[in-house]
C-alpha cells in the first residue's frame, strides 16, 4: 500500500491537517501536521504554494483603494424611474380616460378666458357661431388686404404705362425727326440731281442745235438748187 493509505486511526486526514496548519502555523500540532504533509508529494507541493503565497503577501505593501462605484459589484432592487412597475398601470388609466372622452363626445375649447370642456355637443351652436364669426372676420381681412394689393398693383401699372407712353412718344418723335430730315435730304438731292440732268439735257440740246446750225450753214445750196431740190422732193 502507498503512503496515502497508511493512516492510523488516531491520525486526521491530510486535508484536515492542511487546514489546521493554515489556521495556526505556530502551534505544536501545526508543526506535526507539517511533518506529516511532507511525507506526501501532492500535499507537500500544496504546502509550498501556500508558503509562497504567504511570503508574497508579507512582502507586498498595501495599496490605496481606488474610488469606484461599489453599487455595481452587486445587484440591487432599486430600479430607475422609467422601469417603475406602476407605469403600465398609469398608462392604462390614461388610455381609459382618453377612450371615455371619445365615447362621451367631449369637446375642449381654448379661449383667451380659459379652457372650456363640454360633453355631447352641448356647446355646438355657440362653437358654430364663433367659427362663422371668426371665418367672416378672416374673409373680411383677406378682402381688405386684396383691395390694398390690387390698388397698389393698379397704381404700379399706371405708372409703368405712363412711363412707357412717354418713352414711346419720345422714340416716335425722334424717329419722325430723323425720317423727316432724311426725307428732306433725299428731296434736296433729288432736286439737285434733276437740275443737273436738266442742265445736261439743255447743254446737249443746245450743242446739238448749234452743230445742226453749223452743218446746215456749211452745206447750204444755192437758191436754184434749193428750188430744184424742192421740186424733186415734191415729185417724190
Protein backbone atom coordinates (compact mmCIF):
# COMPACT_ATOMS: atom_id res chain seq x y z
CA UNK A 1 0.00 0.00 0.00
CA UNK A 2 1.05 3.64 -0.59
CA UNK A 3 1.82 6.28 1.96
CA UNK A 4 -1.57 8.00 1.48
CA UNK A 5 -3.48 4.93 2.69
CA UNK A 6 -1.26 4.11 5.70
CA UNK A 7 -3.15 6.36 8.17
CA UNK A 8 -3.50 5.37 11.78
CA UNK A 9 -6.96 5.57 13.34
CA UNK A 10 -5.95 8.38 15.69
CA UNK A 11 -4.48 10.49 12.87
CA UNK A 12 -6.62 13.06 10.97
CA UNK A 13 -6.83 13.06 7.17
CA UNK A 14 -4.27 15.13 5.26
CA UNK A 15 -6.78 17.75 4.10
CA UNK A 16 -7.80 18.35 7.72
CA UNK A 17 -4.17 18.58 8.77
CA UNK A 18 -3.54 21.03 5.92
CA UNK A 19 -6.47 23.20 7.04
CA UNK A 20 -5.25 23.18 10.66
CA UNK A 21 -1.74 24.07 9.52
CA UNK A 22 -3.10 27.03 7.53
CA UNK A 23 -5.13 28.27 10.50
CA UNK A 24 -2.29 28.14 13.02
CA UNK A 25 1.31 27.53 11.92
CA UNK A 26 2.98 28.27 15.26
CA UNK A 27 1.40 25.55 17.40
CA UNK A 28 2.93 22.15 18.01
CA UNK A 29 0.05 20.45 16.22
CA UNK A 30 0.68 22.55 13.15
CA UNK A 31 4.34 21.63 13.13
CA UNK A 32 3.43 17.95 13.47
CA UNK A 33 0.92 18.29 10.64
CA UNK A 34 3.60 19.98 8.56
CA UNK A 35 5.84 16.96 9.06
CA UNK A 36 3.07 14.59 8.06
CA UNK A 37 2.27 16.62 4.92
CA UNK A 38 5.89 16.47 3.78
CA UNK A 39 5.59 12.70 3.50
CA UNK A 40 3.04 13.11 0.66
CA UNK A 41 4.28 14.65 -2.60
CA UNK A 42 0.95 16.27 -3.56
CA UNK A 43 0.33 17.87 -0.19
CA UNK A 44 3.96 18.89 0.02
CA UNK A 45 3.53 20.91 -3.18
CA UNK A 46 0.38 22.47 -1.78
CA UNK A 47 2.20 23.44 1.38
CA UNK A 48 4.98 25.03 -0.68
CA UNK A 49 2.45 27.01 -2.73
CA UNK A 50 0.74 28.23 0.46
CA UNK A 51 4.08 29.29 1.93
CA UNK A 52 4.97 31.20 -1.26
CA UNK A 53 1.62 32.97 -1.24
CA UNK A 54 2.10 33.89 2.38
CA UNK A 55 5.60 35.15 1.62
CA UNK A 56 4.35 37.32 -1.28
CA UNK A 57 1.56 38.64 0.92
CA UNK A 58 4.07 39.65 3.58
CA UNK A 59 6.38 41.49 1.19
CA UNK A 60 3.57 43.23 -0.70
CA UNK A 61 2.69 46.69 0.62
CA UNK A 62 -0.87 47.90 0.91
CA UNK A 63 -2.19 50.00 -1.99
CA UNK A 64 -4.88 52.67 -1.66
CA UNK A 65 -8.30 51.51 -2.75
CA UNK A 66 -9.43 53.32 -5.94
CA UNK A 67 -12.61 55.35 -5.99
CA UNK A 68 -15.07 53.10 -7.80
CA UNK A 69 -18.81 52.58 -7.83
CA UNK A 70 -19.34 49.87 -5.24
CA UNK A 71 -23.02 49.52 -6.11
CA UNK A 72 -22.08 47.92 -9.44
CA UNK A 73 -20.48 44.95 -7.72
CA UNK A 74 -23.78 43.55 -6.53
CA UNK A 75 -27.40 43.57 -7.60
CA UNK A 76 -29.97 45.89 -6.08
CA UNK A 77 -33.74 46.01 -6.07
CA UNK A 78 -33.77 49.74 -6.77
CA UNK A 79 -34.81 50.47 -10.37
CA UNK A 80 -34.77 53.69 -12.40
CA UNK A 81 -37.95 55.71 -12.69
CA UNK A 82 -38.67 54.59 -16.28
CA UNK A 83 -38.76 50.97 -15.05
CA UNK A 84 -41.29 51.75 -12.35
CA UNK A 85 -43.83 48.93 -12.05
CA UNK A 86 -46.71 51.37 -11.71
CA UNK A 87 -46.01 52.95 -15.09
CA UNK A 88 -48.08 50.39 -17.10
CA UNK A 89 -50.99 50.86 -14.71
CA UNK A 90 -50.78 54.63 -15.07
CA UNK A 91 -50.65 54.28 -18.86
CA UNK A 92 -53.73 52.09 -18.76
CA UNK A 93 -55.58 54.68 -16.66
CA UNK A 94 -54.75 57.47 -19.09
CA UNK A 95 -55.79 55.32 -22.04
CA UNK A 96 -59.09 54.54 -20.35
CA UNK A 97 -59.62 58.24 -19.71
CA UNK A 98 -58.96 59.08 -23.37
CA UNK A 99 -61.40 56.39 -24.54
CA UNK A 100 -64.06 57.71 -22.16
CA UNK A 101 -63.61 61.22 -23.57
CA UNK A 102 -64.15 59.85 -27.07
CA UNK A 103 -67.30 57.92 -26.11
CA UNK A 104 -68.71 60.89 -24.18
CA UNK A 105 -68.05 63.19 -27.17
CA UNK A 106 -66.02 65.57 -25.07
CA UNK A 107 -65.05 68.89 -26.63
CA UNK A 108 -62.24 71.11 -25.43
CA UNK A 109 -62.41 74.78 -26.40
CA UNK A 110 -59.41 77.01 -25.79
CA UNK A 111 -60.20 80.72 -25.45
CA UNK A 112 -58.47 83.78 -24.13
CA UNK A 113 -60.51 83.50 -20.94
CA UNK A 114 -59.52 79.87 -20.38
CA UNK A 115 -60.32 76.30 -21.40
CA UNK A 116 -63.91 75.05 -21.66
CA UNK A 117 -64.82 71.35 -21.66
CA UNK A 118 -68.27 70.28 -22.84
CA UNK A 119 -69.88 66.87 -23.41
CA UNK A 120 -72.28 65.51 -26.06
CA UNK A 121 -72.31 68.67 -28.20
CA UNK A 122 -73.89 70.98 -25.61
CA UNK A 123 -71.81 73.87 -26.86
CA UNK A 124 -72.09 73.03 -30.57
CA UNK A 125 -74.28 76.00 -31.52
CA UNK A 126 -72.06 78.51 -29.77
CA UNK A 127 -68.99 76.96 -31.31
CA UNK A 128 -70.55 77.09 -34.79
CA UNK A 129 -71.46 80.74 -34.32
CA UNK A 130 -67.99 81.59 -33.11
CA UNK A 131 -66.41 79.73 -36.00
CA UNK A 132 -68.63 81.54 -38.50
CA UNK A 133 -67.83 84.91 -36.95
CA UNK A 134 -64.14 84.14 -36.97
CA UNK A 135 -64.31 82.94 -40.57
CA UNK A 136 -66.21 86.08 -41.60
CA UNK A 137 -63.61 88.25 -39.93
CA UNK A 138 -60.81 86.37 -41.64
CA UNK A 139 -62.51 86.74 -45.03
CA UNK A 140 -63.08 90.45 -44.47
CA UNK A 141 -59.45 90.97 -43.53
CA UNK A 142 -58.38 89.00 -46.57
CA UNK A 143 -60.65 91.08 -48.84
CA UNK A 144 -59.25 94.32 -47.42
CA UNK A 145 -55.72 93.10 -47.94
CA UNK A 146 -56.53 92.09 -51.51
CA UNK A 147 -58.06 95.50 -52.23
CA UNK A 148 -54.93 97.22 -50.99
CA UNK A 149 -52.77 94.88 -53.05
CA UNK A 150 -54.89 95.46 -56.17
CA UNK A 151 -54.83 99.24 -55.67
CA UNK A 152 -51.06 99.20 -55.35
CA UNK A 153 -50.82 96.95 -58.38
CA UNK A 154 -53.06 99.25 -60.43
CA UNK A 155 -51.01 102.27 -59.39
CA UNK A 156 -47.83 100.50 -60.41
CA UNK A 157 -49.35 99.53 -63.76
CA UNK A 158 -50.49 103.12 -64.40
CA UNK A 159 -47.07 104.47 -63.54
CA UNK A 160 -45.35 101.95 -65.78
CA UNK A 161 -47.87 102.63 -68.57
CA UNK A 162 -47.26 106.37 -68.39
CA UNK A 163 -43.53 105.82 -68.41
CA UNK A 164 -43.86 103.51 -71.40
CA UNK A 165 -46.05 106.05 -73.23
CA UNK A 166 -43.52 108.81 -72.62
CA UNK A 167 -40.70 106.61 -73.87
CA UNK A 168 -42.74 105.60 -76.93
CA UNK A 169 -43.64 109.23 -77.73
CA UNK A 170 -40.03 110.30 -77.36
CA UNK A 171 -38.95 107.47 -79.62
CA UNK A 172 -41.59 108.29 -82.25
CA UNK A 173 -40.71 111.99 -82.20
CA UNK A 174 -37.03 111.20 -82.52
CA UNK A 175 -37.66 108.74 -85.33
CA UNK A 176 -40.03 111.20 -87.09
CA UNK A 177 -37.49 113.98 -86.89
CA UNK A 178 -34.81 111.73 -88.24
CA UNK A 179 -37.05 110.44 -91.02
CA UNK A 180 -38.15 113.97 -91.95
CA UNK A 181 -34.55 115.07 -92.06
CA UNK A 182 -33.65 112.10 -94.22
CA UNK A 183 -36.66 112.78 -96.48
CA UNK A 184 -35.66 116.44 -96.89
CA UNK A 185 -32.10 115.44 -97.68
CA UNK A 186 -33.35 112.93 -100.23
CA UNK A 187 -35.69 115.52 -101.76
CA UNK A 188 -32.96 118.15 -102.00
CA UNK A 189 -30.64 115.58 -103.51
CA UNK A 190 -33.35 114.62 -106.00
CA UNK A 191 -33.88 118.28 -106.94
CA UNK A 192 -30.18 118.81 -107.38
CA UNK A 193 -29.84 115.64 -109.43
CA UNK A 194 -32.84 116.68 -111.52
CA UNK A 195 -31.41 120.12 -112.11
CA UNK A 196 -28.10 118.61 -113.12
CA UNK A 197 -29.91 116.27 -115.51
CA UNK A 198 -31.91 119.20 -116.93
CA UNK A 199 -28.81 121.30 -117.32
CA UNK A 200 -27.01 118.43 -119.02
CA UNK A 201 -30.00 117.84 -121.27
CA UNK A 202 -30.18 121.51 -122.15
CA UNK A 203 -26.47 121.64 -122.84
CA UNK A 204 -26.74 118.61 -125.09
CA UNK A 205 -29.76 120.11 -126.84
CA UNK A 206 -28.05 123.46 -127.38
CA UNK A 207 -24.91 121.71 -128.57
CA UNK A 208 -26.86 119.53 -130.98
CA UNK A 209 -28.78 122.56 -132.20
CA UNK A 210 -25.57 124.52 -132.68
CA UNK A 211 -23.96 121.64 -134.53
CA UNK A 212 -27.05 121.35 -136.74
CA UNK A 213 -27.00 125.03 -137.48
CA UNK A 214 -23.33 124.95 -138.31
CA UNK A 215 -23.79 121.89 -140.51
CA UNK A 216 -26.70 123.45 -142.31
CA UNK A 217 -24.78 126.71 -142.73
CA UNK A 218 -21.73 124.98 -144.14
CA UNK A 219 -23.62 122.76 -146.61
CA UNK A 220 -26.43 125.14 -147.63
CA UNK A 221 -27.04 125.03 -151.55
CA UNK A 222 -27.87 127.96 -153.82
CA UNK A 223 -31.37 129.22 -154.47
CA UNK A 224 -31.65 127.29 -157.71
CA UNK A 225 -30.56 124.12 -156.19
CA UNK A 226 -32.93 124.71 -153.45
CA UNK A 227 -35.78 125.09 -155.84
CA UNK A 228 -34.84 122.05 -157.85
CA UNK A 229 -34.34 120.09 -154.81
CA UNK A 230 -37.65 121.23 -153.58
CA UNK A 231 -39.35 120.22 -156.81
CA UNK A 232 -37.62 116.86 -156.77
CA UNK A 233 -38.71 116.32 -153.29
CA UNK A 234 -42.18 117.36 -154.24
CA UNK A 235 -42.27 114.99 -157.14
CA UNK A 236 -41.06 112.31 -154.97
